[in-house]
Amino acid sequence: MTPLAQAQRQLHAHPLAADATLAAGVLLCMLAGSFVDPHGEHGVSWSLRTPYPFSLFLMTLGAIALIFRRSAPMRVLVVTGTLSVVESVTGDPRAPVAMSVVVALFTVAATTDRATTWRAGLITMTVVTGAAMLAGPLPWYAQENLGILAWTGIGATAGDAVRSRRAVVQAIRERAERAERTREEEARRRVAEERLRIARDLHDVVAHHIALVNVQAGVAAHVMDKRPDQAKEALAHVREASRSALNELRATVGLLRHSDDPEAPTEPAPGLDRLDDLAGTFRSAGLHVEVARTDHDTKLPAGVDLAAYRIIQEALTNVQKHAGPDAKAEVSVVRVGPNVEITVLDNGHQEGEEPREDGGGHGLLGMRERVTALRGTLTTGPRYGGGFRVHAILPVKTRTRTATAEDPV
């Protein structure tokens, strides 16, 4: 760090010392100016005459007042203005006490608003210049009097310019900080959305396949001794369900890899084109499933297609887990205007089973989050006479960024 930079750092750290240094410099300038005689024989010349003691006293008071210009700028302006008026009326007209007024007016303009600067500047220029013109020993048109008018105006203008520049710099800094906070908040929001999306996919995959494995393993254990062929078939279903679970987990977790990772899976996310395969896995587990589709081969956006598949998968998994061994499920996919409606019904009874009302687990919550992200609607609840109903309305054309975030990559 250079000596000049060190000195500036010390002055910023000790503002009172900086103001004292400025006051000393202003005092030296006023003393030097008191020796200038603009009325010499050959124009401006240096006079060897010593300034009047009273003028030295006024200049010293004006310089001392500038030490407190940061803490009380308006009071310092009043004090220095008063000293300048007194000098104009009673002292040596060559003594530039008005220089302290210019510095004080600059400080007021740099630390207050523009309206206050205008008022203070006009009053100061009028009083100080008027006192010098009307009560001073020099003619009213003397260049010293016009110089007071000019320098006070320059002090107010320069201070206002400094204040405006500080305001612009502060506004730029605040915008930069706000933009940085906004970027961080957006990044955190996207991370939270991605974490929620992956959690939903993992829940759907694990819950579905583990429920099937549990059912088939129970069947195998029950018939292992008496009907080994049926047990072997059940174990084959267990192996197939576990293989499917591993494949879907690999595809889901693979989305976390970098896009240029050559090992990242490229298998597309499941959709309604695999609805028959999905129903077949539940039929093999002993659940009677009927599927009816009147969507007329509608081409759905990837996010809507995935959400529809996951909703049906989760609803059938809940039927398998909660509706009892003799339950039947009906799945319908219907295109109604700009929407596609998904309905899953079952006739199971919930006596002695876990409740499936909202808030009972993550399955219904995940379905609701998927539908909400697509700006659709979801209705779930028990049916009259027994059973449960899941009804989702999904728009065919999505308008949310969240929905497209679930598209396969």
Protein backbone atom coordinates (compact mmCIF):
# COMPACT_ATOMS: atom_id res chain seq x y z
CA MET A 1 0.00 0.00 0.00
CA THR A 2 1.37 3.40 -1.02
CA PRO A 3 1.90 6.18 1.56
CA LEU A 4 -0.92 8.20 -0.06
CA ALA A 5 -3.34 5.27 0.22
CA GLN A 6 -2.34 4.74 3.84
CA ALA A 7 -2.95 8.41 4.60
CA GLN A 8 -6.39 8.28 2.95
CA ARG A 9 -7.25 5.18 4.93
CA GLN A 10 -6.24 6.85 8.18
CA LEU A 11 -8.29 9.96 7.34
CA HIS A 12 -11.38 7.83 6.59
CA ALA A 13 -10.89 6.00 9.87
CA HIS A 14 -10.57 9.29 11.84
CA PRO A 15 -13.00 11.84 10.32
CA LEU A 16 -12.38 14.44 13.04
CA ALA A 17 -8.66 14.40 12.26
CA ALA A 18 -9.47 14.76 8.57
CA ASP A 19 -11.67 17.77 9.26
CA ALA A 20 -8.97 19.29 11.45
CA THR A 21 -6.49 18.87 8.60
CA LEU A 22 -8.94 20.48 6.18
CA ALA A 23 -9.52 23.36 8.61
CA ALA A 24 -5.77 23.95 8.86
CA GLY A 25 -5.47 24.00 5.08
CA VAL A 26 -8.36 26.48 4.77
CA LEU A 27 -6.76 28.69 7.41
CA LEU A 28 -3.47 28.75 5.49
CA CYS A 29 -5.32 29.66 2.29
CA MET A 30 -7.18 32.47 4.06
CA LEU A 31 -3.93 33.80 5.52
CA ALA A 32 -2.25 33.68 2.12
CA GLY A 33 -5.23 35.39 0.51
CA SER A 34 -5.11 38.21 3.03
CA PHE A 35 -1.75 39.28 1.61
CA VAL A 36 -3.07 39.67 -1.97
CA ASP A 37 -3.72 43.25 -3.00
CA PRO A 38 -5.92 43.33 -6.11
CA HIS A 39 -5.64 47.13 -6.24
CA GLY A 40 -1.92 47.42 -6.78
CA GLU A 41 -0.33 49.78 -9.22
CA HIS A 42 0.18 47.02 -11.79
CA GLY A 43 -2.93 44.96 -11.11
CA VAL A 44 -2.77 42.01 -8.73
CA SER A 45 0.35 42.15 -6.54
CA TRP A 46 1.65 40.81 -3.24
CA SER A 47 1.45 43.14 -0.28
CA LEU A 48 3.81 42.93 2.67
CA ARG A 49 1.24 44.43 4.98
CA THR A 50 0.24 42.24 7.90
CA PRO A 51 -3.53 41.54 8.17
CA TYR A 52 -5.45 43.19 10.96
CA PRO A 53 -5.42 41.23 14.25
CA PHE A 54 -9.22 41.20 14.30
CA SER A 55 -9.27 39.68 10.80
CA LEU A 56 -6.80 37.00 11.93
CA PHE A 57 -9.09 36.29 14.87
CA LEU A 58 -12.14 35.91 12.60
CA MET A 59 -10.26 33.66 10.17
CA THR A 60 -9.09 31.47 13.05
CA LEU A 61 -12.64 31.14 14.42
CA GLY A 62 -13.95 30.25 10.97
CA ALA A 63 -11.28 27.54 10.56
CA ILE A 64 -11.99 26.11 14.03
CA ALA A 65 -15.70 25.93 13.23
CA LEU A 66 -14.93 23.78 10.17
CA ILE A 67 -13.58 21.04 12.44
CA PHE A 68 -17.19 20.26 13.43
CA ARG A 69 -18.67 20.49 9.93
CA ARG A 70 -19.66 16.77 9.80
CA SER A 71 -21.45 16.64 13.15
CA ALA A 72 -23.30 19.98 12.82
CA PRO A 73 -23.11 21.22 9.23
CA MET A 74 -25.97 23.73 9.46
CA ARG A 75 -24.65 25.29 12.66
CA VAL A 76 -21.17 25.57 11.21
CA LEU A 77 -22.68 27.33 8.18
CA VAL A 78 -24.46 29.81 10.43
CA VAL A 79 -21.29 30.47 12.44
CA THR A 80 -19.04 30.95 9.42
CA GLY A 81 -21.66 33.08 7.68
CA THR A 82 -21.91 35.32 10.72
CA LEU A 83 -18.12 35.69 10.89
CA SER A 84 -18.03 36.62 7.19
CA VAL A 85 -20.72 39.27 7.68
CA VAL A 86 -18.84 40.70 10.66
CA GLU A 87 -15.63 40.81 8.62
CA SER A 88 -17.37 42.54 5.73
CA VAL A 89 -18.75 45.25 8.02
CA THR A 90 -15.87 45.90 10.41
CA GLY A 91 -12.68 44.24 9.23
CA ASP A 92 -10.18 44.24 6.42
CA PRO A 93 -12.02 43.65 3.13
CA ARG A 94 -8.99 41.73 1.88
CA ALA A 95 -9.36 39.05 4.56
CA PRO A 96 -11.14 36.10 2.78
CA VAL A 97 -13.15 34.84 5.75
CA ALA A 98 -15.86 33.89 3.24
CA MET A 99 -13.69 30.91 2.22
CA SER A 100 -14.83 29.10 5.38
CA VAL A 101 -18.44 29.85 4.36
CA VAL A 102 -17.86 28.16 0.98
CA VAL A 103 -16.54 24.99 2.67
CA ALA A 104 -19.42 24.97 5.18
CA LEU A 105 -21.99 25.44 2.39
CA PHE A 106 -20.36 22.61 0.42
CA THR A 107 -20.73 20.33 3.46
CA VAL A 108 -24.41 21.22 3.89
CA ALA A 109 -25.13 20.54 0.22
CA ALA A 110 -23.24 17.22 0.32
CA THR A 111 -25.03 15.92 3.43
CA THR A 112 -28.62 17.14 2.99
CA ASP A 113 -31.30 17.01 0.32
CA ARG A 114 -31.54 19.29 -2.70
CA ALA A 115 -34.37 21.41 -1.33
CA THR A 116 -32.39 22.22 1.82
CA THR A 117 -29.34 22.98 -0.34
CA TRP A 118 -31.33 25.45 -2.41
CA ARG A 119 -32.71 27.24 0.63
CA ALA A 120 -29.42 27.35 2.51
CA GLY A 121 -27.48 28.36 -0.60
CA LEU A 122 -29.81 31.22 -1.55
CA ILE A 123 -29.95 32.57 2.00
CA THR A 124 -26.17 32.36 2.43
CA MET A 125 -25.37 34.00 -0.91
CA THR A 126 -27.94 36.76 -0.31
CA VAL A 127 -26.84 37.58 3.26
CA VAL A 128 -23.07 37.32 2.82
CA THR A 129 -22.92 39.02 -0.59
CA GLY A 130 -25.47 41.66 0.43
CA ALA A 131 -23.52 42.51 3.58
CA ALA A 132 -20.31 42.88 1.58
CA MET A 133 -21.98 45.06 -1.08
CA LEU A 134 -24.07 47.28 1.18
CA ALA A 135 -22.04 47.56 4.38
CA GLY A 136 -18.49 46.88 3.24
CA PRO A 137 -15.85 49.56 2.64
CA LEU A 138 -15.48 48.62 -1.04
CA PRO A 139 -17.87 49.67 -3.83
CA TRP A 140 -20.76 47.30 -4.31
CA TYR A 141 -19.49 46.32 -7.75
CA ALA A 142 -15.99 45.44 -6.51
CA GLN A 143 -14.63 42.13 -7.72
CA GLU A 144 -14.22 40.92 -4.13
CA ASN A 145 -18.00 41.16 -3.62
CA LEU A 146 -18.74 39.44 -6.92
CA GLY A 147 -16.19 36.78 -6.00
CA ILE A 148 -18.12 36.02 -2.79
CA LEU A 149 -21.30 35.51 -4.83
CA ALA A 150 -19.54 33.23 -7.31
CA TRP A 151 -17.67 31.11 -4.75
CA THR A 152 -20.71 30.50 -2.55
CA GLY A 153 -22.66 29.38 -5.61
CA ILE A 154 -19.81 27.08 -6.64
CA GLY A 155 -19.67 25.58 -3.12
CA ALA A 156 -23.39 24.77 -3.13
CA THR A 157 -23.29 23.34 -6.65
CA ALA A 158 -20.23 21.19 -5.98
CA GLY A 159 -21.72 19.83 -2.75
CA ASP A 160 -24.98 18.94 -4.50
CA ALA A 161 -23.04 17.17 -7.26
CA VAL A 162 -21.11 15.15 -4.68
CA ARG A 163 -24.34 14.21 -2.90
CA SER A 164 -25.95 13.14 -6.20
CA ARG A 165 -22.94 11.01 -7.09
CA ARG A 166 -23.00 9.33 -3.68
CA ALA A 167 -26.72 8.62 -4.11
CA VAL A 168 -26.13 7.08 -7.54
CA VAL A 169 -23.27 4.92 -6.26
CA GLN A 170 -25.38 3.82 -3.28
CA ALA A 171 -28.31 2.98 -5.55
CA ILE A 172 -26.05 0.94 -7.83
CA ARG A 173 -24.60 -0.88 -4.84
CA GLU A 174 -28.07 -1.62 -3.45
CA ARG A 175 -29.27 -2.91 -6.83
CA ALA A 176 -26.22 -5.13 -7.08
CA GLU A 177 -26.80 -6.49 -3.58
CA ARG A 178 -30.50 -7.00 -4.29
CA ALA A 179 -29.69 -8.76 -7.55
CA GLU A 180 -27.21 -10.99 -5.73
CA ARG A 181 -29.80 -11.84 -3.08
CA THR A 182 -32.36 -12.52 -5.80
CA ARG A 183 -29.95 -14.85 -7.60
CA GLU A 184 -29.22 -16.71 -4.37
CA GLU A 185 -32.93 -17.00 -3.55
CA GLU A 186 -33.68 -18.21 -7.09
CA ALA A 187 -30.89 -20.77 -6.85
CA ARG A 188 -32.18 -22.00 -3.48
CA ARG A 189 -35.73 -22.17 -4.87
CA ARG A 190 -34.62 -24.21 -7.86
CA VAL A 191 -32.62 -26.54 -5.64
CA ALA A 192 -35.67 -27.02 -3.40
CA GLU A 193 -37.91 -27.68 -6.41
CA GLU A 194 -35.46 -30.20 -7.85
CA ARG A 195 -35.10 -31.92 -4.48
CA LEU A 196 -38.88 -32.12 -4.16
CA ARG A 197 -39.25 -33.50 -7.68
CA ILE A 198 -36.63 -36.20 -7.10
CA ALA A 199 -38.19 -37.05 -3.74
CA ARG A 200 -41.58 -37.52 -5.42
CA ASP A 201 -40.13 -39.75 -8.12
CA LEU A 202 -38.19 -41.84 -5.62
CA HIS A 203 -41.26 -42.21 -3.43
CA ASP A 204 -43.42 -43.28 -6.37
CA VAL A 205 -40.88 -45.80 -7.61
CA VAL A 206 -40.03 -47.30 -4.23
CA ALA A 207 -43.60 -47.38 -2.89
CA HIS A 208 -44.99 -49.05 -5.99
CA HIS A 209 -42.39 -51.74 -6.47
CA ILE A 210 -41.80 -52.48 -2.79
CA ALA A 211 -45.56 -52.93 -2.32
CA LEU A 212 -45.57 -55.47 -5.18
CA VAL A 213 -42.51 -57.24 -3.81
CA ASN A 214 -44.14 -57.41 -0.38
CA VAL A 215 -47.33 -58.95 -1.77
CA GLN A 216 -45.57 -61.49 -3.96
CA ALA A 217 -43.13 -62.43 -1.20
CA GLY A 218 -46.09 -63.04 1.11
CA VAL A 219 -47.73 -65.24 -1.52
CA ALA A 220 -44.50 -67.21 -2.01
CA ALA A 221 -44.06 -67.75 1.71
CA HIS A 222 -47.67 -68.89 2.05
CA VAL A 223 -47.62 -71.49 -0.74
CA MET A 224 -43.96 -72.51 -0.61
CA ASP A 225 -44.60 -75.92 0.95
CA LYS A 226 -47.89 -76.95 -0.69
CA ARG A 227 -47.68 -75.32 -4.14
CA PRO A 228 -44.03 -74.76 -5.08
CA ASP A 229 -44.93 -73.93 -8.68
CA GLN A 230 -47.06 -71.02 -7.59
CA ALA A 231 -44.34 -69.95 -5.16
CA LYS A 232 -41.82 -70.04 -8.00
CA GLU A 233 -44.10 -67.86 -10.10
CA ALA A 234 -44.49 -65.39 -7.23
CA LEU A 235 -40.71 -65.23 -6.78
CA ALA A 236 -40.35 -64.55 -10.49
CA HIS A 237 -42.71 -61.58 -10.06
CA VAL A 238 -40.58 -60.43 -7.10
CA ARG A 239 -37.48 -60.56 -9.26
CA GLU A 240 -39.18 -58.67 -12.08
CA ALA A 241 -40.53 -55.99 -9.73
CA SER A 242 -37.14 -55.54 -8.08
CA ARG A 243 -35.44 -55.30 -11.49
CA SER A 244 -37.95 -52.65 -12.59
CA ALA A 245 -37.39 -50.76 -9.34
CA LEU A 246 -33.63 -50.79 -9.84
CA ASN A 247 -33.96 -49.59 -13.42
CA GLU A 248 -36.23 -46.70 -12.48
CA LEU A 249 -34.04 -45.77 -9.52
CA ARG A 250 -31.03 -45.78 -11.80
CA ALA A 251 -32.82 -43.51 -14.27
CA THR A 252 -34.01 -41.14 -11.55
CA VAL A 253 -30.67 -40.87 -9.77
CA GLY A 254 -28.94 -40.55 -13.12
CA LEU A 255 -30.67 -37.20 -13.62
CA LEU A 256 -28.40 -35.83 -10.90
CA ARG A 257 -25.33 -36.44 -13.02
CA HIS A 258 -23.79 -33.89 -15.29
CA SER A 259 -25.41 -33.61 -18.68
CA ASP A 260 -22.21 -34.67 -20.48
CA ASP A 261 -21.74 -37.76 -18.30
CA PRO A 262 -21.59 -40.67 -20.77
CA GLU A 263 -22.92 -43.04 -18.15
CA ALA A 264 -26.06 -41.00 -17.52
CA PRO A 265 -29.13 -43.01 -18.53
CA THR A 266 -31.12 -41.85 -21.50
CA GLU A 267 -34.27 -43.89 -20.89
CA PRO A 268 -37.33 -41.63 -21.15
CA ALA A 269 -39.55 -41.06 -18.17
CA PRO A 270 -42.65 -43.31 -18.02
CA GLY A 271 -45.95 -42.06 -19.37
CA LEU A 272 -49.46 -43.22 -20.22
CA ASP A 273 -48.11 -45.31 -23.10
CA ARG A 274 -46.92 -47.72 -20.40
CA LEU A 275 -50.26 -47.77 -18.58
CA ASP A 276 -51.05 -51.33 -19.70
CA ASP A 277 -47.68 -52.56 -18.41
CA LEU A 278 -48.33 -50.78 -15.11
CA ALA A 279 -51.75 -52.39 -14.76
CA GLY A 280 -50.20 -55.76 -15.62
CA THR A 281 -47.76 -55.56 -12.72
CA PHE A 282 -50.65 -55.04 -10.31
CA ARG A 283 -52.67 -57.85 -11.89
CA SER A 284 -49.73 -60.17 -11.42
CA ALA A 285 -49.75 -59.20 -7.74
CA GLY A 286 -53.39 -60.26 -7.42
CA LEU A 287 -55.16 -56.91 -7.81
CA HIS A 288 -58.02 -56.86 -10.27
CA VAL A 289 -57.50 -53.72 -12.42
CA GLU A 290 -59.72 -52.47 -15.24
CA VAL A 291 -58.46 -49.73 -17.55
CA ALA A 292 -60.67 -47.55 -19.77
CA ARG A 293 -59.22 -44.85 -22.02
CA THR A 294 -61.07 -42.31 -24.15
CA ASP A 295 -58.28 -39.80 -24.53
CA HIS A 296 -58.15 -40.48 -28.31
CA ASP A 297 -54.38 -40.98 -28.33
CA THR A 298 -53.79 -37.42 -27.09
CA LYS A 299 -50.14 -36.43 -27.22
CA LEU A 300 -49.43 -35.03 -23.76
CA PRO A 301 -46.50 -32.84 -22.74
CA ALA A 302 -43.79 -34.83 -21.02
CA GLY A 303 -44.50 -33.27 -17.61
CA VAL A 304 -48.24 -33.99 -17.82
CA ASP A 305 -47.63 -37.50 -19.15
CA LEU A 306 -45.26 -38.30 -16.29
CA ALA A 307 -47.61 -36.79 -13.68
CA ALA A 308 -50.57 -38.82 -15.01
CA TYR A 309 -48.55 -42.03 -14.88
CA ARG A 310 -47.28 -41.33 -11.36
CA ILE A 311 -50.77 -40.45 -10.07
CA ILE A 312 -52.21 -43.73 -11.37
CA GLN A 313 -49.21 -45.66 -10.05
CA GLU A 314 -49.53 -44.14 -6.56
CA ALA A 315 -53.31 -44.59 -6.48
CA LEU A 316 -53.07 -48.28 -7.44
CA THR A 317 -50.28 -48.76 -4.91
CA ASN A 318 -52.56 -47.35 -2.22
CA VAL A 319 -55.31 -49.72 -3.35
CA GLN A 320 -52.88 -52.64 -3.12
CA LYS A 321 -51.78 -51.61 0.37
CA HIS A 322 -55.01 -50.46 1.97
CA ALA A 323 -58.09 -51.75 0.13
CA GLY A 324 -57.90 -55.36 1.19
CA PRO A 325 -57.24 -58.68 -0.63
CA ASP A 326 -60.49 -58.73 -2.64
CA ALA A 327 -60.41 -55.15 -3.84
CA LYS A 328 -60.98 -54.14 -7.43
CA ALA A 329 -59.66 -50.99 -9.08
CA GLU A 330 -60.96 -49.04 -12.07
CA VAL A 331 -58.73 -46.62 -13.98
CA SER A 332 -60.10 -44.19 -16.55
CA VAL A 333 -58.29 -41.62 -18.70
CA VAL A 334 -60.64 -39.19 -20.46
CA ARG A 335 -59.93 -36.17 -22.64
CA VAL A 336 -62.38 -33.37 -21.75
CA GLY A 337 -61.80 -30.17 -23.72
CA PRO A 338 -58.39 -28.69 -22.87
CA ASN A 339 -57.88 -31.13 -19.99
CA VAL A 340 -57.26 -34.79 -19.41
CA GLU A 341 -59.05 -36.34 -16.44
CA ILE A 342 -57.59 -39.24 -14.46
CA THR A 343 -59.87 -41.28 -12.19
CA VAL A 344 -58.94 -44.25 -10.03
CA LEU A 345 -61.71 -46.00 -8.07
CA ASP A 346 -61.66 -49.01 -5.79
CA ASN A 347 -64.30 -50.88 -3.84
CA GLY A 348 -62.09 -51.82 -0.91
CA HIS A 349 -62.95 -51.32 2.75
CA GLN A 350 -60.64 -49.49 5.14
CA GLU A 351 -61.62 -51.25 8.34
CA GLY A 352 -58.46 -52.03 10.25
CA GLU A 353 -56.33 -50.46 7.52
CA GLU A 354 -54.26 -47.27 7.48
CA PRO A 355 -56.28 -44.17 6.62
CA ARG A 356 -55.82 -42.65 3.19
CA GLU A 357 -57.24 -39.21 3.79
CA ASP A 358 -55.08 -36.16 2.99
CA GLY A 359 -52.14 -35.81 5.30
CA GLY A 360 -51.98 -39.51 6.10
CA GLY A 361 -48.76 -40.06 4.15
CA HIS A 362 -46.49 -38.82 1.42
CA GLY A 363 -48.34 -40.51 -1.44
CA LEU A 364 -51.38 -38.25 -1.57
CA LEU A 365 -49.19 -35.25 -0.80
CA GLY A 366 -46.92 -36.10 -3.72
CA MET A 367 -49.90 -36.44 -6.05
CA ARG A 368 -51.25 -33.08 -4.93
CA GLU A 369 -47.88 -31.40 -5.45
CA ARG A 370 -47.61 -32.81 -8.96
CA VAL A 371 -51.10 -31.61 -9.89
CA THR A 372 -50.60 -28.19 -8.32
CA ALA A 373 -47.32 -27.71 -10.19
CA LEU A 374 -49.23 -28.20 -13.46
CA ARG A 375 -52.07 -25.88 -12.36
CA GLY A 376 -54.51 -28.74 -12.25
CA THR A 377 -56.91 -29.96 -9.56
CA LEU A 378 -56.93 -33.10 -7.44
CA THR A 379 -59.84 -34.55 -5.46
CA THR A 380 -59.39 -37.54 -3.15
CA GLY A 381 -61.61 -39.13 -0.57
CA PRO A 382 -63.70 -42.16 0.39
CA ARG A 383 -66.60 -43.25 -1.80
CA TYR A 384 -70.14 -43.67 -0.64
CA GLY A 385 -70.64 -47.30 0.26
CA GLY A 386 -66.95 -48.07 0.63
CA GLY A 387 -63.81 -47.68 -1.34
CA PHE A 388 -61.72 -44.68 -2.32
CA ARG A 389 -61.66 -42.24 -5.23
CA VAL A 390 -58.78 -40.28 -6.77
CA HIS A 391 -59.71 -37.75 -9.44
CA ALA A 392 -57.16 -35.48 -11.14
CA ILE A 393 -57.71 -32.86 -13.85
CA LEU A 394 -54.54 -31.96 -15.75
CA PRO A 395 -54.28 -29.29 -18.45
CA VAL A 396 -53.00 -30.62 -21.74
CA LYS A 397 -51.05 -27.38 -22.35
CA THR A 398 -49.01 -26.37 -19.34
CA ARG A 399 -47.90 -22.82 -18.60
CA THR A 400 -45.60 -23.32 -15.65
CA ARG A 401 -41.86 -23.65 -15.59
CA THR A 402 -42.19 -26.16 -12.77
CA ALA A 403 -44.04 -28.52 -15.05
CA THR A 404 -41.37 -28.45 -17.73
CA ALA A 405 -38.72 -29.01 -15.10
CA GLU A 406 -39.95 -32.58 -14.82
CA ASP A 407 -39.43 -33.30 -18.49
CA PRO A 408 -36.93 -36.09 -19.16
CA VAL A 409 -33.41 -35.05 -20.04
